[in-house]
Amino acid sequence: MTTVHSDTGILHGFIDRASLAQELRCSERTIIRYENQPNGLPSLMLGGRKLYRVEAVRQWIASRETRPNPRRGGCLIRHGPQNETAGTGDSGGLSEFCSIGCELFR
C-alpha cells in the first residue's frame, strides 16, 4: 500500500483514502460506505484528511472473512447424480459429498 509520508515519518503506516481505494481497486465512495457500516472500516481524521492505519485495514478485511454455512452441508452447488466412488455408494442418488472437494467443508 502507498503510505502518506516517507517510511521514517510520523505518519508511517498510514494511508489516505485515494491510495486505499486504488489499492483495493474500488472507488473512494466505496471506502466511505465501508466506513459507515456497523463495525466499519476504522479511520482517523487528521488535518481535514481521512487516514487509515494499514494494519487496522488488514485486520478489518480479515474480520469480514466468512465460512460456508454448515446447515447447507458445506456445498453451495446443486449437484445431480454422482457415481459410486464420489459419494456414499448409492449410485444414481445424490452424493453425500460432491466430486469437487466439498467434503473439506464438513
C-alpha atoms as a PDB file:
ATOM      1  CA  MET A   1       0.000   0.000   0.000  1.00  0.00           C
ATOM      2  CA  THR A   2       1.143   3.539  -0.632  1.00  0.00           C
ATOM      3  CA  THR A   3       1.846   5.387   2.595  1.00  0.00           C
ATOM      4  CA  VAL A   4       1.055   9.061   3.141  1.00  0.00           C
ATOM      5  CA  HIS A   5       4.599  10.084   4.031  1.00  0.00           C
ATOM      6  CA  SER A   6       8.050   8.548   3.923  1.00  0.00           C
ATOM      7  CA  ASP A   7       8.742   5.344   5.801  1.00  0.00           C
ATOM      8  CA  THR A   8      10.520   7.279   8.544  1.00  0.00           C
ATOM      9  CA  GLY A   9       7.860   9.992   9.018  1.00  0.00           C
ATOM     10  CA  ILE A  10       5.463  10.355  11.908  1.00  0.00           C
ATOM     11  CA  LEU A  11       2.614   9.039   9.731  1.00  0.00           C
ATOM     12  CA  HIS A  12       4.454   5.869   8.773  1.00  0.00           C
ATOM     13  CA  GLY A  13       1.922   3.051   8.423  1.00  0.00           C
ATOM     14  CA  PHE A  14      -0.990   5.297   7.439  1.00  0.00           C
ATOM     15  CA  ILE A  15      -2.615   5.628   4.016  1.00  0.00           C
ATOM     16  CA  ASP A  16      -5.021   8.222   2.610  1.00  0.00           C
ATOM     17  CA  ARG A  17      -8.453   7.478   1.116  1.00  0.00           C
ATOM     18  CA  ALA A  18      -7.406   7.808  -2.535  1.00  0.00           C
ATOM     19  CA  SER A  19      -4.456   5.440  -2.070  1.00  0.00           C
ATOM     20  CA  LEU A  20      -6.593   2.935  -0.163  1.00  0.00           C
ATOM     21  CA  ALA A  21      -9.251   2.980  -2.895  1.00  0.00           C
ATOM     22  CA  GLN A  22      -6.568   2.419  -5.512  1.00  0.00           C
ATOM     23  CA  GLU A  23      -5.061  -0.451  -3.514  1.00  0.00           C
ATOM     24  CA  LEU A  24      -8.455  -2.144  -3.030  1.00  0.00           C
ATOM     25  CA  ARG A  25      -9.434  -1.414  -6.646  1.00  0.00           C
ATOM     26  CA  CYS A  26     -12.635   0.387  -5.725  1.00  0.00           C
ATOM     27  CA  SER A  27     -13.908   3.965  -5.684  1.00  0.00           C
ATOM     28  CA  GLU A  28     -13.403   6.435  -2.864  1.00  0.00           C
ATOM     29  CA  ARG A  29     -17.192   6.387  -2.420  1.00  0.00           C
ATOM     30  CA  THR A  30     -16.990   2.647  -1.679  1.00  0.00           C
ATOM     31  CA  ILE A  31     -14.385   3.366   1.016  1.00  0.00           C
ATOM     32  CA  ILE A  32     -16.817   5.887   2.556  1.00  0.00           C
ATOM     33  CA  ARG A  33     -19.581   3.242   2.511  1.00  0.00           C
ATOM     34  CA  TYR A  34     -17.222   0.782   4.238  1.00  0.00           C
ATOM     35  CA  GLU A  35     -16.611   3.386   6.973  1.00  0.00           C
ATOM     36  CA  ASN A  36     -20.347   3.881   7.550  1.00  0.00           C
ATOM     37  CA  GLN A  37     -21.163   0.189   8.035  1.00  0.00           C
ATOM     38  CA  PRO A  38     -21.662  -1.274  11.514  1.00  0.00           C
ATOM     39  CA  ASN A  39     -18.184  -2.430  12.535  1.00  0.00           C
ATOM     40  CA  GLY A  40     -16.977  -0.365   9.594  1.00  0.00           C
ATOM     41  CA  LEU A  41     -13.540   0.465   8.335  1.00  0.00           C
ATOM     42  CA  PRO A  42     -11.585   2.268  11.091  1.00  0.00           C
ATOM     43  CA  SER A  43     -10.271   5.698  10.136  1.00  0.00           C
ATOM     44  CA  LEU A  44      -8.658   8.809  11.533  1.00  0.00           C
ATOM     45  CA  MET A  45      -9.425  12.418  10.578  1.00  0.00           C
ATOM     46  CA  LEU A  46      -6.247  14.495  10.664  1.00  0.00           C
ATOM     47  CA  GLY A  47      -5.846  17.930   9.126  1.00  0.00           C
ATOM     48  CA  GLY A  48      -9.042  17.591   7.114  1.00  0.00           C
ATOM     49  CA  ARG A  49      -7.964  14.261   5.588  1.00  0.00           C
ATOM     50  CA  LYS A  50      -9.143  10.743   6.307  1.00  0.00           C
ATOM     51  CA  LEU A  51      -6.272   8.420   7.069  1.00  0.00           C
ATOM     52  CA  TYR A  52      -6.286   4.677   7.590  1.00  0.00           C
ATOM     53  CA  ARG A  53      -3.789   2.672   9.594  1.00  0.00           C
ATOM     54  CA  VAL A  54      -2.619  -0.071   7.237  1.00  0.00           C
ATOM     55  CA  GLU A  55      -2.597  -2.765   9.929  1.00  0.00           C
ATOM     56  CA  ALA A  56      -6.141  -1.807  11.040  1.00  0.00           C
ATOM     57  CA  VAL A  57      -7.329  -2.092   7.419  1.00  0.00           C
ATOM     58  CA  ARG A  58      -5.794  -5.576   7.175  1.00  0.00           C
ATOM     59  CA  GLN A  59      -7.497  -6.623  10.429  1.00  0.00           C
ATOM     60  CA  TRP A  60     -10.833  -5.217   9.225  1.00  0.00           C
ATOM     61  CA  ILE A  61     -10.549  -7.152   5.960  1.00  0.00           C
ATOM     62  CA  ALA A  62      -9.692 -10.346   7.865  1.00  0.00           C
ATOM     63  CA  SER A  63     -12.696  -9.840  10.175  1.00  0.00           C
ATOM     64  CA  ARG A  64     -15.010  -9.870   7.136  1.00  0.00           C
ATOM     65  CA  GLU A  65     -13.901 -13.351   6.102  1.00  0.00           C
ATOM     66  CA  THR A  66     -16.768 -15.836   6.119  1.00  0.00           C
ATOM     67  CA  ARG A  67     -17.099 -19.602   6.263  1.00  0.00           C
ATOM     68  CA  PRO A  68     -19.592 -21.806   4.384  1.00  0.00           C
ATOM     69  CA  ASN A  69     -22.915 -22.303   6.136  1.00  0.00           C
ATOM     70  CA  PRO A  70     -22.731 -25.719   7.884  1.00  0.00           C
ATOM     71  CA  ARG A  71     -26.525 -26.150   7.673  1.00  0.00           C
ATOM     72  CA  ARG A  72     -26.271 -26.233   3.904  1.00  0.00           C
ATOM     73  CA  GLY A  73     -23.962 -29.228   4.035  1.00  0.00           C
ATOM     74  CA  GLY A  74     -20.904 -27.217   3.074  1.00  0.00           C
ATOM     75  CA  CYS A  75     -21.594 -27.132  -0.649  1.00  0.00           C
ATOM     76  CA  LEU A  76     -23.370 -24.257  -2.333  1.00  0.00           C
ATOM     77  CA  ILE A  77     -23.608 -26.024  -5.696  1.00  0.00           C
ATOM     78  CA  ARG A  78     -26.666 -28.126  -6.561  1.00  0.00           C
ATOM     79  CA  HIS A  79     -25.372 -31.469  -7.773  1.00  0.00           C
ATOM     80  CA  GLY A  80     -27.041 -34.160  -9.804  1.00  0.00           C
ATOM     81  CA  PRO A  81     -26.493 -37.891  -9.522  1.00  0.00           C
ATOM     82  CA  GLN A  82     -22.935 -38.885  -8.626  1.00  0.00           C
ATOM     83  CA  ASN A  83     -21.049 -42.076  -9.317  1.00  0.00           C
ATOM     84  CA  GLU A  84     -20.347 -44.672  -6.622  1.00  0.00           C
ATOM     85  CA  THR A  85     -16.806 -43.525  -5.898  1.00  0.00           C
ATOM     86  CA  ALA A  86     -17.757 -39.904  -5.319  1.00  0.00           C
ATOM     87  CA  GLY A  87     -20.229 -40.425  -2.508  1.00  0.00           C
ATOM     88  CA  THR A  88     -21.936 -42.847  -0.235  1.00  0.00           C
ATOM     89  CA  GLY A  89     -22.028 -45.750  -2.667  1.00  0.00           C
ATOM     90  CA  ASP A  90     -25.624 -45.190  -3.661  1.00  0.00           C
ATOM     91  CA  SER A  91     -25.250 -45.000  -7.414  1.00  0.00           C
ATOM     92  CA  GLY A  92     -27.856 -42.872  -9.113  1.00  0.00           C
ATOM     93  CA  GLY A  93     -28.679 -40.899  -5.964  1.00  0.00           C
ATOM     94  CA  LEU A  94     -27.330 -37.678  -4.592  1.00  0.00           C
ATOM     95  CA  SER A  95     -23.857 -37.971  -3.194  1.00  0.00           C
ATOM     96  CA  GLU A  96     -23.051 -37.176   0.411  1.00  0.00           C
ATOM     97  CA  PHE A  97     -20.003 -35.337  -0.902  1.00  0.00           C
ATOM     98  CA  CYS A  98     -19.618 -33.834  -4.309  1.00  0.00           C
ATOM     99  CA  SER A  99     -16.735 -34.825  -6.516  1.00  0.00           C
ATOM    100  CA  ILE A 100     -15.038 -31.416  -6.354  1.00  0.00           C
ATOM    101  CA  GLY A 101     -13.924 -31.465  -2.741  1.00  0.00           C
ATOM    102  CA  CYS A 102     -16.900 -30.274  -0.714  1.00  0.00           C
ATOM    103  CA  GLU A 103     -16.014 -32.851   1.929  1.00  0.00           C
ATOM    104  CA  LEU A 104     -13.407 -30.327   3.064  1.00  0.00           C
ATOM    105  CA  PHE A 105     -16.197 -28.146   4.439  1.00  0.00           C
ATOM    106  CA  ARG A 106     -17.929 -30.807   6.526  1.00  0.00           C
END
